[in-house]
C-alpha atoms as a PDB file:
ATOM      1  CA  MET A   1     -24.551  15.524  77.646  1.00  0.00           C
ATOM      2  CA  GLY A   2     -23.965  15.588  73.933  1.00  0.00           C
ATOM      3  CA  ALA A   3     -21.559  13.524  71.986  1.00  0.00           C
ATOM      4  CA  ALA A   4     -18.139  15.004  71.477  1.00  0.00           C
ATOM      5  CA  ASN A   5     -17.720  16.724  68.149  1.00  0.00           C
ATOM      6  CA  THR A   6     -14.955  14.706  66.462  1.00  0.00           C
ATOM      7  CA  LYS A   7     -13.849  15.208  62.873  1.00  0.00           C
ATOM      8  CA  LYS A   8     -12.340  12.444  60.823  1.00  0.00           C
ATOM      9  CA  ALA A   9      -8.982  13.266  59.325  1.00  0.00           C
ATOM     10  CA  LYS A  10      -8.947  13.282  55.541  1.00  0.00           C
ATOM     11  CA  PRO A  11      -6.494  10.857  53.943  1.00  0.00           C
ATOM     12  CA  VAL A  12      -3.378  12.508  52.623  1.00  0.00           C
ATOM     13  CA  LYS A  13      -2.567  11.875  48.983  1.00  0.00           C
ATOM     14  CA  VAL A  14       1.081  11.123  48.464  1.00  0.00           C
ATOM     15  CA  LYS A  15       2.396  11.881  44.990  1.00  0.00           C
ATOM     16  CA  LYS A  16       4.868   9.479  43.527  1.00  0.00           C
ATOM     17  CA  GLN A  17       8.111  10.985  42.421  1.00  0.00           C
ATOM     18  CA  ASP A  18       8.519  11.193  38.672  1.00  0.00           C
ATOM     19  CA  ALA A  19      11.670   9.093  38.871  1.00  0.00           C
ATOM     20  CA  LEU A  20       9.684   6.199  40.314  1.00  0.00           C
ATOM     21  CA  LYS A  21       7.028   6.177  37.624  1.00  0.00           C
ATOM     22  CA  PRO A  22       7.393   3.341  35.148  1.00  0.00           C
ATOM     23  CA  THR A  23       8.263   4.432  31.642  1.00  0.00           C
ATOM     24  CA  ASN A  24       6.358   2.515  29.023  1.00  0.00           C
ATOM     25  CA  LYS A  25       7.457   4.743  26.170  1.00  0.00           C
ATOM     26  CA  LYS A  26       8.491   2.881  23.077  1.00  0.00           C
ATOM     27  CA  ALA A  27      11.026   4.218  20.644  1.00  0.00           C
ATOM     28  CA  PRO A  28       9.256   5.883  17.715  1.00  0.00           C
ATOM     29  CA  PRO A  29       8.837   3.642  14.682  1.00  0.00           C
ATOM     30  CA  GLU A  30      11.491   3.981  12.004  1.00  0.00           C
ATOM     31  CA  VAL A  31      11.507   3.007   8.353  1.00  0.00           C
ATOM     32  CA  THR A  32      14.138   3.330   5.638  1.00  0.00           C
ATOM     33  CA  PHE A  33      13.299   3.493   1.935  1.00  0.00           C
ATOM     34  CA  ARG A  34      15.592   2.908  -1.013  1.00  0.00           C
ATOM     35  CA  VAL A  35      14.675   5.602  -3.545  1.00  0.00           C
ATOM     36  CA  TYR A  36      15.564   5.142  -7.207  1.00  0.00           C
ATOM     37  CA  GLU A  37      14.334   6.029 -10.671  1.00  0.00           C
ATOM     38  CA  ASP A  38      13.046   3.198 -12.854  1.00  0.00           C
ATOM     39  CA  GLU A  39      13.619   2.819 -16.593  1.00  0.00           C
ATOM     40  CA  ASP A  40      10.485   4.920 -17.337  1.00  0.00           C
ATOM     41  CA  GLY A  41      11.652   7.831 -15.191  1.00  0.00           C
ATOM     42  CA  VAL A  42       9.239   7.102 -12.331  1.00  0.00           C
ATOM     43  CA  LEU A  43      10.595   7.625  -8.807  1.00  0.00           C
ATOM     44  CA  CYS A  44      10.227   4.476  -6.704  1.00  0.00           C
ATOM     45  CA  ALA A  45      10.597   3.908  -2.956  1.00  0.00           C
ATOM     46  CA  SER A  46      11.089   0.432  -1.568  1.00  0.00           C
ATOM     47  CA  GLY A  47      11.221  -0.347   2.161  1.00  0.00           C
ATOM     48  CA  ILE A  48      14.526  -1.866   3.229  1.00  0.00           C
ATOM     49  CA  ASP A  49      13.404  -3.543   6.488  1.00  0.00           C
ATOM     50  CA  GLN A  50       9.647  -3.579   5.829  1.00  0.00           C
ATOM     51  CA  ARG A  51       7.789  -4.789   2.769  1.00  0.00           C
ATOM     52  CA  LEU A  52       6.612  -1.362   1.616  1.00  0.00           C
ATOM     53  CA  TYR A  53       6.618  -0.005  -1.916  1.00  0.00           C
ATOM     54  CA  THR A  54       5.306   3.157  -3.534  1.00  0.00           C
ATOM     55  CA  PHE A  55       6.111   5.448  -6.440  1.00  0.00           C
ATOM     56  CA  GLY A  56       5.471   8.908  -7.869  1.00  0.00           C
ATOM     57  CA  LYS A  57       6.095  10.778 -11.098  1.00  0.00           C
ATOM     58  CA  THR A  58       7.494  13.753  -9.157  1.00  0.00           C
ATOM     59  CA  TYR A  59       9.510  14.036  -5.965  1.00  0.00           C
ATOM     60  CA  ASN A  60       6.616  15.778  -4.168  1.00  0.00           C
ATOM     61  CA  LYS A  61       4.155  13.049  -5.199  1.00  0.00           C
ATOM     62  CA  LEU A  62       6.610  10.366  -4.072  1.00  0.00           C
ATOM     63  CA  ILE A  63       6.976  11.978  -0.623  1.00  0.00           C
ATOM     64  CA  LYS A  64       3.178  12.280  -0.287  1.00  0.00           C
ATOM     65  CA  ASN A  65       2.793   8.598  -1.196  1.00  0.00           C
ATOM     66  CA  ILE A  66       5.524   7.625   1.304  1.00  0.00           C
ATOM     67  CA  HIS A  67       3.687   9.534   4.040  1.00  0.00           C
ATOM     68  CA  ASN A  68       0.414   7.769   3.137  1.00  0.00           C
ATOM     69  CA  ILE A  69       1.894   4.261   3.111  1.00  0.00           C
ATOM     70  CA  VAL A  70       3.739   4.880   6.396  1.00  0.00           C
ATOM     71  CA  GLU A  71       0.498   5.985   8.096  1.00  0.00           C
ATOM     72  CA  LEU A  72      -1.312   2.888   6.815  1.00  0.00           C
ATOM     73  CA  PHE A  73       1.473   0.521   7.849  1.00  0.00           C
ATOM     74  CA  PHE A  74       2.237   1.906  11.327  1.00  0.00           C
ATOM     75  CA  GLU A  75      -1.318   3.181  12.040  1.00  0.00           C
ATOM     76  CA  VAL A  76       0.008   6.489  13.415  1.00  0.00           C
ATOM     77  CA  PRO A  77       0.511   9.903  11.778  1.00  0.00           C
ATOM     78  CA  TYR A  78       3.637   9.965   9.613  1.00  0.00           C
ATOM     79  CA  THR A  79       5.000  12.762  11.808  1.00  0.00           C
ATOM     80  CA  GLN A  80       5.433  10.171  14.584  1.00  0.00           C
ATOM     81  CA  VAL A  81       7.596   7.938  12.394  1.00  0.00           C
ATOM     82  CA  THR A  82      11.244   8.474  11.525  1.00  0.00           C
ATOM     83  CA  ILE A  83      11.420   8.159   7.742  1.00  0.00           C
ATOM     84  CA  ASN A  84      14.845   7.735   6.158  1.00  0.00           C
ATOM     85  CA  LEU A  85      15.415   7.921   2.420  1.00  0.00           C
ATOM     86  CA  LYS A  86      18.422   6.326   0.787  1.00  0.00           C
ATOM     87  CA  PHE A  87      18.801   7.771  -2.703  1.00  0.00           C
ATOM     88  CA  GLU A  88      20.511   5.633  -5.300  1.00  0.00           C
ATOM     89  CA  ALA A  89      21.839   7.122  -8.482  1.00  0.00           C
ATOM     90  CA  GLN A  90      20.778   5.309 -11.624  1.00  0.00           C
ATOM     91  CA  GLY A  91      23.499   2.969 -12.826  1.00  0.00           C
ATOM     92  CA  ASN A  92      25.683   3.812  -9.833  1.00  0.00           C
ATOM     93  CA  SER A  93      26.204   1.918  -6.592  1.00  0.00           C
ATOM     94  CA  SER A  94      26.727   5.083  -4.537  1.00  0.00           C
ATOM     95  CA  ALA A  95      23.870   6.279  -2.351  1.00  0.00           C
ATOM     96  CA  GLU A  96      22.851   9.455  -0.555  1.00  0.00           C
ATOM     97  CA  THR A  97      20.769   9.419   2.631  1.00  0.00           C
ATOM     98  CA  ALA A  98      18.112  11.941   3.737  1.00  0.00           C
ATOM     99  CA  THR A  99      15.246  12.152   6.212  1.00  0.00           C
ATOM    100  CA  CYS A 100      11.753  13.430   5.446  1.00  0.00           C
END
């Protein structure tokens, strides 16, 4: 007589529910710059909470330089960082805030 033909049952994979998965997501980095015009008419951006500084002769050049310095500092694409700009009028204590 031959041996009985027995099949081993395959293990069943149980999926964890999404609610039980640990969330290791960090809040996206955020940086705020004080933007002002110096005495020579150059636009300057100085980090408020981080020691970052850049400048540009035009608004577009300033924004490009801000993006570059943010990528170097945080080591991620600037699109993954919340960038806040706090514009200060020359000779005035009032400020206007924007995000780029």
